[in-house]
Amino acid sequence: MADLTERISSTAKRTESRIETLGDALVNVFHLLALFAIGGAIVWSAVIAFLAMGRAGHASIEDILLLFIYLELGAMVGIYFKTNRMPVRFLIYVAITAMTRMLIGHISVNHVPDNGIILIAGAILLLAFSVLVLRIGSSKYPSASAPDGSDVSVAAESS
């Protein structure tokens, strides 16, 4: 009877191990497909924006900043694809670039200094300060998973 119990337990462990392996493989496939889809959408959007600039015959500063946003998003996807970690600093760079783009749009439409300019500039300053805090924190307290001192801090996997 004990032999039968051991065989059943062994079979259950093997089955559980196979199911976990299959689940891990499915998660990895989804991860890769999602990254390719996101990367493709970024490239597609950047090409569309670039073609629109070509049709217009010129590129405004807002258009150029938009291309920088696409570049930063593409770099984020590339880093995430290679390391399975999200560089938080890149998200802040995207936010700073987007806020700068908003500030330029606000100034070009209103032509009048108002509280909106101060709020946007304050947000940019706060974001820049957060990059500084991240850089200082990652150099003084590097994580065990990022020995190079980078501020890669959001793990996609717990492995």
Protein backbone atom coordinates (compact mmCIF):
# COMPACT_ATOMS: atom_id res chain seq x y z
CA MET A 1 0.00 0.00 0.00
CA ALA A 2 2.88 2.40 0.84
CA ASP A 3 4.42 1.60 -2.57
CA LEU A 4 1.18 2.61 -4.32
CA THR A 5 1.04 5.85 -2.33
CA GLU A 6 4.63 6.66 -3.30
CA ARG A 7 3.92 6.01 -6.99
CA ILE A 8 0.84 8.20 -6.92
CA SER A 9 2.77 10.96 -5.17
CA SER A 10 5.64 10.64 -7.67
CA THR A 11 3.23 10.77 -10.62
CA ALA A 12 1.50 13.82 -9.16
CA LYS A 13 4.85 15.61 -8.73
CA ARG A 14 5.90 14.80 -12.32
CA THR A 15 2.54 16.02 -13.64
CA GLU A 16 2.79 19.21 -11.61
CA SER A 17 6.33 19.77 -12.89
CA ARG A 18 5.22 19.29 -16.52
CA ILE A 19 2.28 21.68 -16.05
CA GLU A 20 4.60 24.31 -14.53
CA THR A 21 7.04 23.89 -17.42
CA LEU A 22 4.21 24.28 -19.94
CA GLY A 23 2.88 27.34 -18.07
CA ASP A 24 6.35 28.93 -18.05
CA ALA A 25 6.72 28.29 -21.78
CA LEU A 26 3.31 29.83 -22.52
CA VAL A 27 4.15 32.91 -20.43
CA ASN A 28 7.47 33.31 -22.27
CA VAL A 29 5.78 33.01 -25.67
CA PHE A 30 3.16 35.59 -24.68
CA HIS A 31 5.94 37.85 -23.34
CA LEU A 32 7.84 37.70 -26.64
CA LEU A 33 4.73 38.20 -28.78
CA ALA A 34 3.60 41.16 -26.67
CA LEU A 35 7.05 42.77 -26.89
CA PHE A 36 7.14 42.33 -30.67
CA ALA A 37 3.63 43.80 -30.94
CA ILE A 38 4.55 46.79 -28.77
CA GLY A 39 7.80 47.31 -30.68
CA GLY A 40 5.97 47.06 -33.99
CA ALA A 41 3.37 49.58 -32.86
CA ILE A 42 6.12 52.01 -31.83
CA VAL A 43 7.91 51.66 -35.18
CA TRP A 44 4.62 51.96 -37.07
CA SER A 45 3.65 55.12 -35.16
CA ALA A 46 7.09 56.65 -35.65
CA VAL A 47 7.02 55.96 -39.39
CA ILE A 48 3.53 57.48 -39.71
CA ALA A 49 4.66 60.59 -37.80
CA PHE A 50 7.81 60.87 -39.91
CA LEU A 51 5.82 60.56 -43.15
CA ALA A 52 3.41 63.25 -41.95
CA MET A 53 6.40 65.53 -41.35
CA GLY A 54 7.61 64.78 -44.86
CA ARG A 55 4.21 65.62 -46.35
CA ALA A 56 4.14 68.88 -44.37
CA GLY A 57 7.56 69.76 -45.73
CA HIS A 58 8.94 70.64 -42.32
CA ALA A 59 9.24 69.34 -38.77
CA SER A 60 8.27 71.46 -35.80
CA ILE A 61 9.98 71.15 -32.44
CA GLU A 62 6.90 69.27 -31.22
CA ASP A 63 7.35 66.76 -34.07
CA ILE A 64 10.99 66.25 -33.19
CA LEU A 65 10.13 65.75 -29.52
CA LEU A 66 7.51 63.20 -30.57
CA LEU A 67 10.22 61.28 -32.43
CA PHE A 68 12.34 61.35 -29.27
CA ILE A 69 9.41 59.86 -27.36
CA TYR A 70 9.24 57.04 -29.91
CA LEU A 71 13.00 56.56 -29.61
CA GLU A 72 12.83 56.31 -25.82
CA LEU A 73 9.90 53.91 -25.96
CA GLY A 74 11.78 51.76 -28.47
CA ALA A 75 14.85 51.73 -26.23
CA MET A 76 12.67 50.70 -23.29
CA VAL A 77 11.24 47.78 -25.26
CA GLY A 78 14.73 46.76 -26.36
CA ILE A 79 16.08 46.81 -22.81
CA TYR A 80 13.04 44.97 -21.51
CA PHE A 81 13.39 42.38 -24.29
CA LYS A 82 17.05 41.72 -23.43
CA THR A 83 16.90 41.84 -19.63
CA ASN A 84 13.25 41.19 -18.63
CA ARG A 85 13.54 44.33 -16.50
CA MET A 86 11.90 47.70 -16.99
CA PRO A 87 14.20 50.72 -16.71
CA VAL A 88 12.11 53.12 -14.64
CA ARG A 89 14.35 56.04 -15.58
CA PHE A 90 13.29 55.69 -19.24
CA LEU A 91 9.65 56.06 -18.25
CA ILE A 92 10.54 59.33 -16.55
CA TYR A 93 12.46 60.48 -19.64
CA VAL A 94 9.36 59.83 -21.74
CA ALA A 95 7.28 61.83 -19.26
CA ILE A 96 9.77 64.72 -19.30
CA THR A 97 9.78 64.77 -23.10
CA ALA A 98 5.97 64.62 -23.21
CA MET A 99 5.69 67.47 -20.70
CA THR A 100 8.21 69.53 -22.67
CA ARG A 101 6.17 68.92 -25.80
CA MET A 102 3.05 70.01 -23.91
CA LEU A 103 4.82 73.14 -22.66
CA ILE A 104 5.88 74.12 -26.17
CA GLY A 105 2.35 73.54 -27.44
CA HIS A 106 0.89 75.59 -24.61
CA ILE A 107 3.25 78.49 -25.25
CA SER A 108 2.73 78.43 -29.02
CA VAL A 109 -1.07 78.54 -28.64
CA ASN A 110 -1.50 81.01 -25.77
CA HIS A 111 1.52 83.33 -26.19
CA VAL A 112 0.80 84.57 -22.67
CA PRO A 113 2.63 83.54 -19.52
CA ASP A 114 0.15 82.03 -17.09
CA ASN A 115 -0.15 79.42 -14.35
CA GLY A 116 -0.25 76.59 -16.90
CA ILE A 117 3.36 77.28 -17.86
CA ILE A 118 4.43 77.27 -14.21
CA LEU A 119 2.57 74.02 -13.52
CA ILE A 120 4.10 72.24 -16.52
CA ALA A 121 7.59 73.57 -15.74
CA GLY A 122 7.16 72.47 -12.12
CA ALA A 123 6.16 69.00 -13.25
CA ILE A 124 9.25 68.81 -15.48
CA LEU A 125 11.42 69.94 -12.57
CA LEU A 126 9.86 67.32 -10.29
CA LEU A 127 10.46 64.59 -12.89
CA ALA A 128 14.07 65.72 -13.37
CA PHE A 129 14.56 65.61 -9.61
CA SER A 130 13.15 62.07 -9.52
CA VAL A 131 15.74 61.00 -12.13
CA LEU A 132 18.44 62.49 -9.91
CA VAL A 133 17.10 60.61 -6.89
CA LEU A 134 17.01 57.36 -8.88
CA ARG A 135 20.57 57.85 -10.11
CA ILE A 136 21.90 58.63 -6.64
CA GLY A 137 19.92 55.82 -5.05
CA SER A 138 21.03 53.23 -7.60
CA SER A 139 24.69 54.21 -7.24
CA LYS A 140 24.64 54.21 -3.42
CA TYR A 141 22.37 51.18 -3.03
CA PRO A 142 22.81 48.93 -6.06
CA SER A 143 20.51 45.94 -6.17
CA ALA A 144 21.87 42.42 -6.13
CA SER A 145 20.24 41.74 -9.50
CA ALA A 146 21.81 44.79 -11.16
CA PRO A 147 25.49 44.79 -10.15
CA ASP A 148 26.38 47.47 -12.69
CA GLY A 149 24.61 50.09 -10.59
CA SER A 150 21.87 50.73 -13.14
CA ASP A 151 18.47 51.80 -11.91
CA VAL A 152 16.67 48.82 -13.36
CA SER A 153 14.12 48.32 -10.65
CA VAL A 154 10.91 46.74 -11.89
CA ALA A 155 11.41 43.03 -12.51
CA ALA A 156 9.23 41.22 -15.01
CA GLU A 157 10.02 37.88 -13.44
CA SER A 158 10.86 36.84 -9.94
CA SER A 159 13.65 34.49 -11.02
